[in-house]
Amino acid sequence: MRIEKCVKSDKENSEKYLLLNDDKEIGYGYILEQEVNPIEIYINENERSNGYGKFLFEKLLEIVKESDKKALIFDLTRAQYRVANIIAFFGARQIETLENSIKWALVLK
């Protein structure tokens, strides 16, 4: 299992990384230059619930930790519970609950 940085991202102001198992693409993720939701991940639907999302998030988090950021903020809907579970695993805490979303803070060490 490995991640590979794409030469060019298809999203503005971001770096795109592919998650590969051998040469099969399992999913992808972005590190975005924005204050809220600075990391986005996507795992192919038939590959979910195998720990790939956690693996990809961890690798992207390692890259972000090399920057001067002190914390990451995520604003997630209740439907994004898989991402919420992943960021909570890495120590994120709920900081605000709204009607349609929950804000999380992940302090970088």
PDB file of N, CA and C in Angstrom:
ATOM      1  N   MET A   1       0.840  -1.168   0.000  1.00  0.00           N
ATOM      2  CA  MET A   1       0.000   0.000   0.000  1.00  0.00           C
ATOM      3  C   MET A   1       0.890   1.237   0.000  1.00  0.00           C
ATOM      4  N   ARG A   2       0.585   2.189  -0.873  1.00  0.00           N
ATOM      5  CA  ARG A   2       1.382   3.413  -0.933  1.00  0.00           C
ATOM      6  C   ARG A   2       0.535   4.571  -1.452  1.00  0.00           C
ATOM      7  N   ILE A   3       1.018   5.783  -1.156  1.00  0.00           N
ATOM      8  CA  ILE A   3       0.398   6.945  -1.770  1.00  0.00           C
ATOM      9  C   ILE A   3       1.387   7.531  -2.757  1.00  0.00           C
ATOM     10  N   GLU A   4       0.853   8.148  -3.780  1.00  0.00           N
ATOM     11  CA  GLU A   4       1.682   8.724  -4.836  1.00  0.00           C
ATOM     12  C   GLU A   4       1.134  10.115  -5.157  1.00  0.00           C
ATOM     13  N   LYS A   5       2.009  11.109  -5.110  1.00  0.00           N
ATOM     14  CA  LYS A   5       1.587  12.474  -5.416  1.00  0.00           C
ATOM     15  C   LYS A   5       1.394  12.633  -6.915  1.00  0.00           C
ATOM     16  N   CYS A   6       0.269  13.210  -7.294  1.00  0.00           N
ATOM     17  CA  CYS A   6       0.006  13.495  -8.706  1.00  0.00           C
ATOM     18  C   CYS A   6       0.821  14.710  -9.137  1.00  0.00           C
ATOM     19  N   VAL A   7       1.229  14.723 -10.373  1.00  0.00           N
ATOM     20  CA  VAL A   7       1.992  15.842 -10.899  1.00  0.00           C
ATOM     21  C   VAL A   7       1.144  17.105 -10.842  1.00  0.00           C
ATOM     22  N   LYS A   8      -0.132  16.975 -11.188  1.00  0.00           N
ATOM     23  CA  LYS A   8      -1.045  18.121 -11.188  1.00  0.00           C
ATOM     24  C   LYS A   8      -2.363  17.691 -10.566  1.00  0.00           C
ATOM     25  N   SER A   9      -2.916  18.564  -9.747  1.00  0.00           N
ATOM     26  CA  SER A   9      -4.193  18.281  -9.112  1.00  0.00           C
ATOM     27  C   SER A   9      -5.337  18.807  -9.976  1.00  0.00           C
ATOM     28  N   ASP A  10      -6.479  18.138  -9.896  1.00  0.00           N
ATOM     29  CA  ASP A  10      -7.656  18.591 -10.629  1.00  0.00           C
ATOM     30  C   ASP A  10      -8.499  19.573  -9.807  1.00  0.00           C
ATOM     31  N   LYS A  11      -8.014  19.939  -8.601  1.00  0.00           N
ATOM     32  CA  LYS A  11      -8.665  20.945  -7.763  1.00  0.00           C
ATOM     33  C   LYS A  11      -7.698  22.105  -7.594  1.00  0.00           C
ATOM     34  N   GLU A  12      -8.231  23.303  -7.683  1.00  0.00           N
ATOM     35  CA  GLU A  12      -7.405  24.492  -7.516  1.00  0.00           C
ATOM     36  C   GLU A  12      -6.817  24.566  -6.111  1.00  0.00           C
ATOM     37  N   ASN A  13      -5.601  25.076  -6.004  1.00  0.00           N
ATOM     38  CA  ASN A  13      -4.926  25.283  -4.717  1.00  0.00           C
ATOM     39  C   ASN A  13      -4.883  24.022  -3.860  1.00  0.00           C
ATOM     40  N   SER A  14      -4.483  22.925  -4.463  1.00  0.00           N
ATOM     41  CA  SER A  14      -4.415  21.664  -3.732  1.00  0.00           C
ATOM     42  C   SER A  14      -3.322  20.767  -4.290  1.00  0.00           C
ATOM     43  N   GLU A  15      -2.961  19.784  -3.485  1.00  0.00           N
ATOM     44  CA  GLU A  15      -2.104  18.692  -3.927  1.00  0.00           C
ATOM     45  C   GLU A  15      -2.967  17.446  -3.899  1.00  0.00           C
ATOM     46  N   LYS A  16      -2.860  16.622  -4.927  1.00  0.00           N
ATOM     47  CA  LYS A  16      -3.648  15.392  -5.004  1.00  0.00           C
ATOM     48  C   LYS A  16      -2.727  14.191  -4.852  1.00  0.00           C
ATOM     49  N   TYR A  17      -3.200  13.208  -4.081  1.00  0.00           N
ATOM     50  CA  TYR A  17      -2.452  11.978  -3.836  1.00  0.00           C
ATOM     51  C   TYR A  17      -3.342  10.783  -4.143  1.00  0.00           C
ATOM     52  N   LEU A  18      -2.775   9.790  -4.807  1.00  0.00           N
ATOM     53  CA  LEU A  18      -3.487   8.544  -5.089  1.00  0.00           C
ATOM     54  C   LEU A  18      -3.099   7.502  -4.051  1.00  0.00           C
ATOM     55  N   LEU A  19      -4.078   6.701  -3.637  1.00  0.00           N
ATOM     56  CA  LEU A  19      -3.823   5.554  -2.770  1.00  0.00           C
ATOM     57  C   LEU A  19      -3.822   4.325  -3.665  1.00  0.00           C
ATOM     58  N   LEU A  20      -2.685   3.633  -3.690  1.00  0.00           N
ATOM     59  CA  LEU A  20      -2.521   2.487  -4.582  1.00  0.00           C
ATOM     60  C   LEU A  20      -2.171   1.233  -3.802  1.00  0.00           C
ATOM     61  N   ASN A  21      -2.743   0.129  -4.234  1.00  0.00           N
ATOM     62  CA  ASN A  21      -2.373  -1.190  -3.739  1.00  0.00           C
ATOM     63  C   ASN A  21      -1.843  -1.936  -4.952  1.00  0.00           C
ATOM     64  N   ASP A  22      -0.555  -2.188  -4.978  1.00  0.00           N
ATOM     65  CA  ASP A  22       0.145  -2.588  -6.198  1.00  0.00           C
ATOM     66  C   ASP A  22      -0.091  -1.458  -7.193  1.00  0.00           C
ATOM     67  N   ASP A  23      -0.728  -1.717  -8.314  1.00  0.00           N
ATOM     68  CA  ASP A  23      -1.020  -0.638  -9.268  1.00  0.00           C
ATOM     69  C   ASP A  23      -2.508  -0.321  -9.319  1.00  0.00           C
ATOM     70  N   LYS A  24      -3.288  -0.891  -8.424  1.00  0.00           N
ATOM     71  CA  LYS A  24      -4.731  -0.650  -8.397  1.00  0.00           C
ATOM     72  C   LYS A  24      -5.032   0.576  -7.546  1.00  0.00           C
ATOM     73  N   GLU A  25      -5.785   1.521  -8.128  1.00  0.00           N
ATOM     74  CA  GLU A  25      -6.175   2.719  -7.384  1.00  0.00           C
ATOM     75  C   GLU A  25      -7.321   2.377  -6.431  1.00  0.00           C
ATOM     76  N   ILE A  26      -7.074   2.606  -5.129  1.00  0.00           N
ATOM     77  CA  ILE A  26      -8.061   2.341  -4.086  1.00  0.00           C
ATOM     78  C   ILE A  26      -8.871   3.600  -3.780  1.00  0.00           C
ATOM     79  N   GLY A  27      -8.243   4.745  -3.916  1.00  0.00           N
ATOM     80  CA  GLY A  27      -8.887   6.019  -3.627  1.00  0.00           C
ATOM     81  C   GLY A  27      -7.901   7.152  -3.846  1.00  0.00           C
ATOM     82  N   TYR A  28      -8.284   8.330  -3.371  1.00  0.00           N
ATOM     83  CA  TYR A  28      -7.420   9.495  -3.523  1.00  0.00           C
ATOM     84  C   TYR A  28      -7.743  10.501  -2.436  1.00  0.00           C
ATOM     85  N   GLY A  29      -6.854  11.461  -2.286  1.00  0.00           N
ATOM     86  CA  GLY A  29      -7.064  12.500  -1.301  1.00  0.00           C
ATOM     87  C   GLY A  29      -6.414  13.798  -1.724  1.00  0.00           C
ATOM     88  N   TYR A  30      -6.858  14.873  -1.086  1.00  0.00           N
ATOM     89  CA  TYR A  30      -6.339  16.202  -1.366  1.00  0.00           C
ATOM     90  C   TYR A  30      -5.846  16.858  -0.082  1.00  0.00           C
ATOM     91  N   ILE A  31      -4.798  17.624  -0.217  1.00  0.00           N
ATOM     92  CA  ILE A  31      -4.403  18.584   0.804  1.00  0.00           C
ATOM     93  C   ILE A  31      -4.682  19.939   0.183  1.00  0.00           C
ATOM     94  N   LEU A  32      -5.617  20.657   0.802  1.00  0.00           N
ATOM     95  CA  LEU A  32      -6.092  21.917   0.237  1.00  0.00           C
ATOM     96  C   LEU A  32      -5.564  23.114   1.014  1.00  0.00           C
ATOM     97  N   GLU A  33      -5.324  24.186   0.318  1.00  0.00           N
ATOM     98  CA  GLU A  33      -4.898  25.434   0.949  1.00  0.00           C
ATOM     99  C   GLU A  33      -6.133  26.214   1.374  1.00  0.00           C
ATOM    100  N   GLN A  34      -6.785  25.741   2.432  1.00  0.00           N
ATOM    101  CA  GLN A  34      -7.971  26.409   2.960  1.00  0.00           C
ATOM    102  C   GLN A  34      -8.049  26.140   4.448  1.00  0.00           C
ATOM    103  N   GLU A  35      -8.761  26.995   5.156  1.00  0.00           N
ATOM    104  CA  GLU A  35      -8.840  26.921   6.611  1.00  0.00           C
ATOM    105  C   GLU A  35      -9.695  25.762   7.107  1.00  0.00           C
ATOM    106  N   VAL A  36     -10.821  25.518   6.446  1.00  0.00           N
ATOM    107  CA  VAL A  36     -11.754  24.484   6.885  1.00  0.00           C
ATOM    108  C   VAL A  36     -11.706  23.324   5.890  1.00  0.00           C
ATOM    109  N   ASN A  37     -11.703  22.112   6.429  1.00  0.00           N
ATOM    110  CA  ASN A  37     -11.617  20.886   5.624  1.00  0.00           C
ATOM    111  C   ASN A  37     -10.366  20.880   4.731  1.00  0.00           C
ATOM    112  N   PRO A  38      -9.181  21.030   5.338  1.00  0.00           N
ATOM    113  CA  PRO A  38      -7.950  21.097   4.549  1.00  0.00           C
ATOM    114  C   PRO A  38      -7.476  19.753   4.002  1.00  0.00           C
ATOM    115  N   ILE A  39      -8.076  18.668   4.482  1.00  0.00           N
ATOM    116  CA  ILE A  39      -7.775  17.341   3.948  1.00  0.00           C
ATOM    117  C   ILE A  39      -9.094  16.712   3.526  1.00  0.00           C
ATOM    118  N   GLU A  40      -9.137  16.215   2.311  1.00  0.00           N
ATOM    119  CA  GLU A  40     -10.299  15.484   1.812  1.00  0.00           C
ATOM    120  C   GLU A  40      -9.819  14.121   1.334  1.00  0.00           C
ATOM    121  N   ILE A  41     -10.596  13.092   1.638  1.00  0.00           N
ATOM    122  CA  ILE A  41     -10.248  11.754   1.158  1.00  0.00           C
ATOM    123  C   ILE A  41     -11.471  11.112   0.500  1.00  0.00           C
ATOM    124  N   TYR A  42     -11.199  10.236  -0.446  1.00  0.00           N
ATOM    125  CA  TYR A  42     -12.250   9.470  -1.097  1.00  0.00           C
ATOM    126  C   TYR A  42     -11.716   8.055  -1.314  1.00  0.00           C
ATOM    127  N   ILE A  43     -12.477   7.074  -0.865  1.00  0.00           N
ATOM    128  CA  ILE A  43     -12.134   5.665  -1.073  1.00  0.00           C
ATOM    129  C   ILE A  43     -13.213   5.063  -1.973  1.00  0.00           C
ATOM    130  N   ASN A  44     -12.792   4.316  -2.976  1.00  0.00           N
ATOM    131  CA  ASN A  44     -13.757   3.670  -3.874  1.00  0.00           C
ATOM    132  C   ASN A  44     -14.769   2.881  -3.052  1.00  0.00           C
ATOM    133  N   GLU A  45     -16.019   2.968  -3.442  1.00  0.00           N
ATOM    134  CA  GLU A  45     -17.103   2.398  -2.644  1.00  0.00           C
ATOM    135  C   GLU A  45     -16.902   0.921  -2.322  1.00  0.00           C
ATOM    136  N   ASN A  46     -16.422   0.133  -3.276  1.00  0.00           N
ATOM    137  CA  ASN A  46     -16.236  -1.303  -3.033  1.00  0.00           C
ATOM    138  C   ASN A  46     -15.000  -1.615  -2.188  1.00  0.00           C
ATOM    139  N   GLU A  47     -14.228  -0.585  -1.817  1.00  0.00           N
ATOM    140  CA  GLU A  47     -13.023  -0.773  -1.002  1.00  0.00           C
ATOM    141  C   GLU A  47     -13.185  -0.226   0.425  1.00  0.00           C
ATOM    142  N   ARG A  48     -14.341   0.318   0.747  1.00  0.00           N
ATOM    143  CA  ARG A  48     -14.560   0.939   2.055  1.00  0.00           C
ATOM    144  C   ARG A  48     -14.649  -0.110   3.158  1.00  0.00           C
ATOM    145  N   SER A  49     -14.444   0.346   4.384  1.00  0.00           N
ATOM    146  CA  SER A  49     -14.486  -0.497   5.597  1.00  0.00           C
ATOM    147  C   SER A  49     -13.326  -1.488   5.674  1.00  0.00           C
ATOM    148  N   ASN A  50     -12.235  -1.160   5.010  1.00  0.00           N
ATOM    149  CA  ASN A  50     -11.027  -1.994   5.055  1.00  0.00           C
ATOM    150  C   ASN A  50      -9.841  -1.268   5.678  1.00  0.00           C
ATOM    151  N   GLY A  51     -10.070  -0.070   6.229  1.00  0.00           N
ATOM    152  CA  GLY A  51      -8.992   0.696   6.843  1.00  0.00           C
ATOM    153  C   GLY A  51      -8.222   1.583   5.884  1.00  0.00           C
ATOM    154  N   TYR A  52      -8.620   1.614   4.617  1.00  0.00           N
ATOM    155  CA  TYR A  52      -7.902   2.417   3.629  1.00  0.00           C
ATOM    156  C   TYR A  52      -8.050   3.914   3.888  1.00  0.00           C
ATOM    157  N   GLY A  53      -9.228   4.343   4.315  1.00  0.00           N
ATOM    158  CA  GLY A  53      -9.440   5.756   4.602  1.00  0.00           C
ATOM    159  C   GLY A  53      -8.558   6.229   5.734  1.00  0.00           C
ATOM    160  N   LYS A  54      -8.464   5.430   6.767  1.00  0.00           N
ATOM    161  CA  LYS A  54      -7.611   5.761   7.910  1.00  0.00           C
ATOM    162  C   LYS A  54      -6.141   5.818   7.475  1.00  0.00           C
ATOM    163  N   PHE A  55      -5.720   4.865   6.671  1.00  0.00           N
ATOM    164  CA  PHE A  55      -4.345   4.831   6.165  1.00  0.00           C
ATOM    165  C   PHE A  55      -4.042   6.084   5.346  1.00  0.00           C
ATOM    166  N   LEU A  56      -4.933   6.424   4.404  1.00  0.00           N
ATOM    167  CA  LEU A  56      -4.723   7.579   3.542  1.00  0.00           C
ATOM    168  C   LEU A  56      -4.717   8.870   4.359  1.00  0.00           C
ATOM    169  N   PHE A  57      -5.674   9.005   5.279  1.00  0.00           N
ATOM    170  CA  PHE A  57      -5.722  10.213   6.107  1.00  0.00           C
ATOM    171  C   PHE A  57      -4.437  10.354   6.914  1.00  0.00           C
ATOM    172  N   GLU A  58      -3.959   9.264   7.491  1.00  0.00           N
ATOM    173  CA  GLU A  58      -2.730   9.302   8.286  1.00  0.00           C
ATOM    174  C   GLU A  58      -1.547   9.791   7.451  1.00  0.00           C
ATOM    175  N   LYS A  59      -1.430   9.293   6.225  1.00  0.00           N
ATOM    176  CA  LYS A  59      -0.317   9.690   5.363  1.00  0.00           C
ATOM    177  C   LYS A  59      -0.418  11.165   4.980  1.00  0.00           C
ATOM    178  N   LEU A  60      -1.628  11.641   4.683  1.00  0.00           N
ATOM    179  CA  LEU A  60      -1.806  13.048   4.340  1.00  0.00           C
ATOM    180  C   LEU A  60      -1.565  13.928   5.564  1.00  0.00           C
ATOM    181  N   LEU A  61      -1.976  13.452   6.722  1.00  0.00           N
ATOM    182  CA  LEU A  61      -1.752  14.176   7.970  1.00  0.00           C
ATOM    183  C   LEU A  61      -0.254  14.338   8.244  1.00  0.00           C
ATOM    184  N   GLU A  62       0.534  13.310   7.961  1.00  0.00           N
ATOM    185  CA  GLU A  62       1.989  13.388   8.133  1.00  0.00           C
ATOM    186  C   GLU A  62       2.576  14.495   7.263  1.00  0.00           C
ATOM    187  N   ILE A  63       2.055  14.641   6.053  1.00  0.00           N
ATOM    188  CA  ILE A  63       2.533  15.680   5.147  1.00  0.00           C
ATOM    189  C   ILE A  63       2.152  17.058   5.678  1.00  0.00           C
ATOM    190  N   VAL A  64       0.911  17.207   6.137  1.00  0.00           N
ATOM    191  CA  VAL A  64       0.439  18.491   6.666  1.00  0.00           C
ATOM    192  C   VAL A  64       1.221  18.884   7.911  1.00  0.00           C
ATOM    193  N   LYS A  65       1.591  17.923   8.735  1.00  0.00           N
ATOM    194  CA  LYS A  65       2.332  18.219   9.964  1.00  0.00           C
ATOM    195  C   LYS A  65       3.688  18.856   9.682  1.00  0.00           C
ATOM    196  N   GLU A  66       4.214  18.699   8.486  1.00  0.00           N
ATOM    197  CA  GLU A  66       5.483  19.315   8.113  1.00  0.00           C
ATOM    198  C   GLU A  66       5.346  20.818   7.891  1.00  0.00           C
ATOM    199  N   SER A  67       4.109  21.301   7.757  1.00  0.00           N
ATOM    200  CA  SER A  67       3.876  22.740   7.590  1.00  0.00           C
ATOM    201  C   SER A  67       3.862  23.412   8.958  1.00  0.00           C
ATOM    202  N   ASP A  68       3.570  24.696   8.978  1.00  0.00           N
ATOM    203  CA  ASP A  68       3.556  25.425  10.242  1.00  0.00           C
ATOM    204  C   ASP A  68       2.166  25.490  10.876  1.00  0.00           C
ATOM    205  N   LYS A  69       1.232  24.694  10.405  1.00  0.00           N
ATOM    206  CA  LYS A  69      -0.123  24.701  10.964  1.00  0.00           C
ATOM    207  C   LYS A  69      -0.128  24.118  12.372  1.00  0.00           C
ATOM    208  N   LYS A  70      -0.947  24.704  13.214  1.00  0.00           N
ATOM    209  CA  LYS A  70      -1.065  24.259  14.603  1.00  0.00           C
ATOM    210  C   LYS A  70      -2.274  23.352  14.810  1.00  0.00           C
ATOM    211  N   ALA A  71      -3.315  23.539  13.968  1.00  0.00           N
ATOM    212  CA  ALA A  71      -4.534  22.743  14.102  1.00  0.00           C
ATOM    213  C   ALA A  71      -5.266  22.727  12.765  1.00  0.00           C
ATOM    214  N   LEU A  72      -6.094  21.714  12.590  1.00  0.00           N
ATOM    215  CA  LEU A  72      -6.950  21.605  11.412  1.00  0.00           C
ATOM    216  C   LEU A  72      -8.400  21.664  11.871  1.00  0.00           C
ATOM    217  N   ILE A  73      -9.224  22.358  11.115  1.00  0.00           N
ATOM    218  CA  ILE A  73     -10.650  22.481  11.415  1.00  0.00           C
ATOM    219  C   ILE A  73     -11.432  21.754  10.319  1.00  0.00           C
ATOM    220  N   PHE A  74     -12.398  20.963  10.757  1.00  0.00           N
ATOM    221  CA  PHE A  74     -13.272  20.244   9.841  1.00  0.00           C
ATOM    222  C   PHE A  74     -14.718  20.596  10.162  1.00  0.00           C
ATOM    223  N   ASP A  75     -15.509  20.830   9.150  1.00  0.00           N
ATOM    224  CA  ASP A  75     -16.936  21.103   9.293  1.00  0.00           C
ATOM    225  C   ASP A  75     -17.651  20.011   8.503  1.00  0.00           C
ATOM    226  N   LEU A  76     -18.190  19.025   9.213  1.00  0.00           N
ATOM    227  CA  LEU A  76     -18.735  17.830   8.580  1.00  0.00           C
ATOM    228  C   LEU A  76     -20.236  17.701   8.822  1.00  0.00           C
ATOM    229  N   THR A  77     -20.942  17.212   7.820  1.00  0.00           N
ATOM    230  CA  THR A  77     -22.352  16.895   8.005  1.00  0.00           C
ATOM    231  C   THR A  77     -22.462  15.546   8.701  1.00  0.00           C
ATOM    232  N   ARG A  78     -23.618  15.256   9.220  1.00  0.00           N
ATOM    233  CA  ARG A  78     -23.821  13.962   9.893  1.00  0.00           C
ATOM    234  C   ARG A  78     -23.639  12.794   8.921  1.00  0.00           C
ATOM    235  N   ALA A  79     -23.888  13.029   7.635  1.00  0.00           N
ATOM    236  CA  ALA A  79     -23.711  11.978   6.626  1.00  0.00           C
ATOM    237  C   ALA A  79     -22.238  11.636   6.416  1.00  0.00           C
ATOM    238  N   GLN A  80     -21.343  12.488   6.870  1.00  0.00           N
ATOM    239  CA  GLN A  80     -19.912  12.253   6.712  1.00  0.00           C
ATOM    240  C   GLN A  80     -19.337  11.568   7.954  1.00  0.00           C
ATOM    241  N   TYR A  81     -20.107  10.665   8.528  1.00  0.00           N
ATOM    242  CA  TYR A  81     -19.708  10.000   9.774  1.00  0.00           C
ATOM    243  C   TYR A  81     -18.429   9.186   9.612  1.00  0.00           C
ATOM    244  N   ARG A  82     -18.167   8.652   8.437  1.00  0.00           N
ATOM    245  CA  ARG A  82     -16.928   7.879   8.235  1.00  0.00           C
ATOM    246  C   ARG A  82     -15.704   8.773   8.424  1.00  0.00           C
ATOM    247  N   VAL A  83     -15.746   9.972   7.845  1.00  0.00           N
ATOM    248  CA  VAL A  83     -14.633  10.912   8.003  1.00  0.00           C
ATOM    249  C   VAL A  83     -14.541  11.353   9.458  1.00  0.00           C
ATOM    250  N   ALA A  84     -15.683  11.607  10.084  1.00  0.00           N
ATOM    251  CA  ALA A  84     -15.688  11.996  11.502  1.00  0.00           C
ATOM    252  C   ALA A  84     -15.027  10.917  12.353  1.00  0.00           C
ATOM    253  N   ASN A  85     -15.321   9.660  12.079  1.00  0.00           N
ATOM    254  CA  ASN A  85     -14.703   8.559  12.823  1.00  0.00           C
ATOM    255  C   ASN A  85     -13.184   8.536  12.627  1.00  0.00           C
ATOM    256  N   ILE A  86     -12.749   8.798  11.413  1.00  0.00           N
ATOM    257  CA  ILE A  86     -11.313   8.791  11.120  1.00  0.00           C
ATOM    258  C   ILE A  86     -10.617   9.928  11.848  1.00  0.00           C
ATOM    259  N   ILE A  87     -11.142  11.141  11.748  1.00  0.00           N
ATOM    260  CA  ILE A  87     -10.444  12.259  12.383  1.00  0.00           C
ATOM    261  C   ILE A  87     -10.506  12.142  13.904  1.00  0.00           C
ATOM    262  N   ALA A  88     -11.590  11.578  14.434  1.00  0.00           N
ATOM    263  CA  ALA A  88     -11.669  11.350  15.885  1.00  0.00           C
ATOM    264  C   ALA A  88     -10.603  10.344  16.318  1.00  0.00           C
ATOM    265  N   PHE A  89     -10.347   9.335  15.509  1.00  0.00           N
ATOM    266  CA  PHE A  89      -9.314   8.345  15.804  1.00  0.00           C
ATOM    267  C   PHE A  89      -7.953   9.018  15.980  1.00  0.00           C
ATOM    268  N   PHE A  90      -7.706  10.065  15.199  1.00  0.00           N
ATOM    269  CA  PHE A  90      -6.429  10.768  15.262  1.00  0.00           C
ATOM    270  C   PHE A  90      -6.436  11.914  16.275  1.00  0.00           C
ATOM    271  N   GLY A  91      -7.492  11.999  17.083  1.00  0.00           N
ATOM    272  CA  GLY A  91      -7.507  12.948  18.189  1.00  0.00           C
ATOM    273  C   GLY A  91      -8.353  14.188  18.010  1.00  0.00           C
ATOM    274  N   ALA A  92      -9.092  14.296  16.922  1.00  0.00           N
ATOM    275  CA  ALA A  92      -9.949  15.471  16.731  1.00  0.00           C
ATOM    276  C   ALA A  92     -11.052  15.485  17.777  1.00  0.00           C
ATOM    277  N   ARG A  93     -11.433  16.686  18.176  1.00  0.00           N
ATOM    278  CA  ARG A  93     -12.489  16.877  19.169  1.00  0.00           C
ATOM    279  C   ARG A  93     -13.570  17.777  18.586  1.00  0.00           C
ATOM    280  N   GLN A  94     -14.818  17.477  18.941  1.00  0.00           N
ATOM    281  CA  GLN A  94     -15.935  18.323  18.518  1.00  0.00           C
ATOM    282  C   GLN A  94     -15.832  19.659  19.237  1.00  0.00           C
ATOM    283  N   ILE A  95     -15.953  20.739  18.472  1.00  0.00           N
ATOM    284  CA  ILE A  95     -15.891  22.065  19.086  1.00  0.00           C
ATOM    285  C   ILE A  95     -17.207  22.825  18.940  1.00  0.00           C
ATOM    286  N   GLU A  96     -18.068  22.374  18.042  1.00  0.00           N
ATOM    287  CA  GLU A  96     -19.354  23.045  17.860  1.00  0.00           C
ATOM    288  C   GLU A  96     -20.311  22.100  17.153  1.00  0.00           C
ATOM    289  N   THR A  97     -21.528  22.042  17.645  1.00  0.00           N
ATOM    290  CA  THR A  97     -22.563  21.232  17.002  1.00  0.00           C
ATOM    291  C   THR A  97     -23.658  22.168  16.506  1.00  0.00           C
ATOM    292  N   LEU A  98     -23.903  22.121  15.224  1.00  0.00           N
ATOM    293  CA  LEU A  98     -24.945  22.930  14.606  1.00  0.00           C
ATOM    294  C   LEU A  98     -26.064  22.013  14.137  1.00  0.00           C
ATOM    295  N   GLU A  99     -27.110  22.587  13.617  1.00  0.00           N
ATOM    296  CA  GLU A  99     -28.256  21.779  13.182  1.00  0.00           C
ATOM    297  C   GLU A  99     -27.871  20.770  12.104  1.00  0.00           C
ATOM    298  N   ASN A 100     -27.070  21.220  11.141  1.00  0.00           N
ATOM    299  CA  ASN A 100     -26.745  20.352  10.005  1.00  0.00           C
ATOM    300  C   ASN A 100     -25.290  19.897   9.943  1.00  0.00           C
ATOM    301  N   SER A 101     -24.468  20.313  10.904  1.00  0.00           N
ATOM    302  CA  SER A 101     -23.059  19.928  10.843  1.00  0.00           C
ATOM    303  C   SER A 101     -22.420  19.954  12.220  1.00  0.00           C
ATOM    304  N   ILE A 102     -21.247  19.369  12.268  1.00  0.00           N
ATOM    305  CA  ILE A 102     -20.445  19.349  13.490  1.00  0.00           C
ATOM    306  C   ILE A 102     -19.053  19.847  13.121  1.00  0.00           C
ATOM    307  N   LYS A 103     -18.549  20.810  13.895  1.00  0.00           N
ATOM    308  CA  LYS A 103     -17.188  21.310  13.680  1.00  0.00           C
ATOM    309  C   LYS A 103     -16.237  20.556  14.602  1.00  0.00           C
ATOM    310  N   TRP A 104     -15.089  20.206  14.035  1.00  0.00           N
ATOM    311  CA  TRP A 104     -14.058  19.454  14.731  1.00  0.00           C
ATOM    312  C   TRP A 104     -12.748  20.217  14.663  1.00  0.00           C
ATOM    313  N   ALA A 105     -11.924  20.058  15.688  1.00  0.00           N
ATOM    314  CA  ALA A 105     -10.559  20.604  15.689  1.00  0.00           C
ATOM    315  C   ALA A 105      -9.590  19.469  15.935  1.00  0.00           C
ATOM    316  N   LEU A 106      -8.557  19.417  15.139  1.00  0.00           N
ATOM    317  CA  LEU A 106      -7.502  18.425  15.292  1.00  0.00           C
ATOM    318  C   LEU A 106      -6.203  19.176  15.525  1.00  0.00           C
ATOM    319  N   VAL A 107      -5.711  19.134  16.757  1.00  0.00           N
ATOM    320  CA  VAL A 107      -4.474  19.809  17.125  1.00  0.00           C
ATOM    321  C   VAL A 107      -3.305  18.990  16.593  1.00  0.00           C
ATOM    322  N   LEU A 108      -2.377  19.675  15.929  1.00  0.00           N
ATOM    323  CA  LEU A 108      -1.203  19.003  15.371  1.00  0.00           C
ATOM    324  C   LEU A 108      -0.059  19.086  16.363  1.00  0.00           C
ATOM    325  N   LYS A 109       0.610  17.974  16.578  1.00  0.00           N
ATOM    326  CA  LYS A 109       1.722  17.926  17.534  1.00  0.00           C
ATOM    327  C   LYS A 109       3.024  17.722  16.806  1.00  0.00           C
TER     328      LYS A 109
END
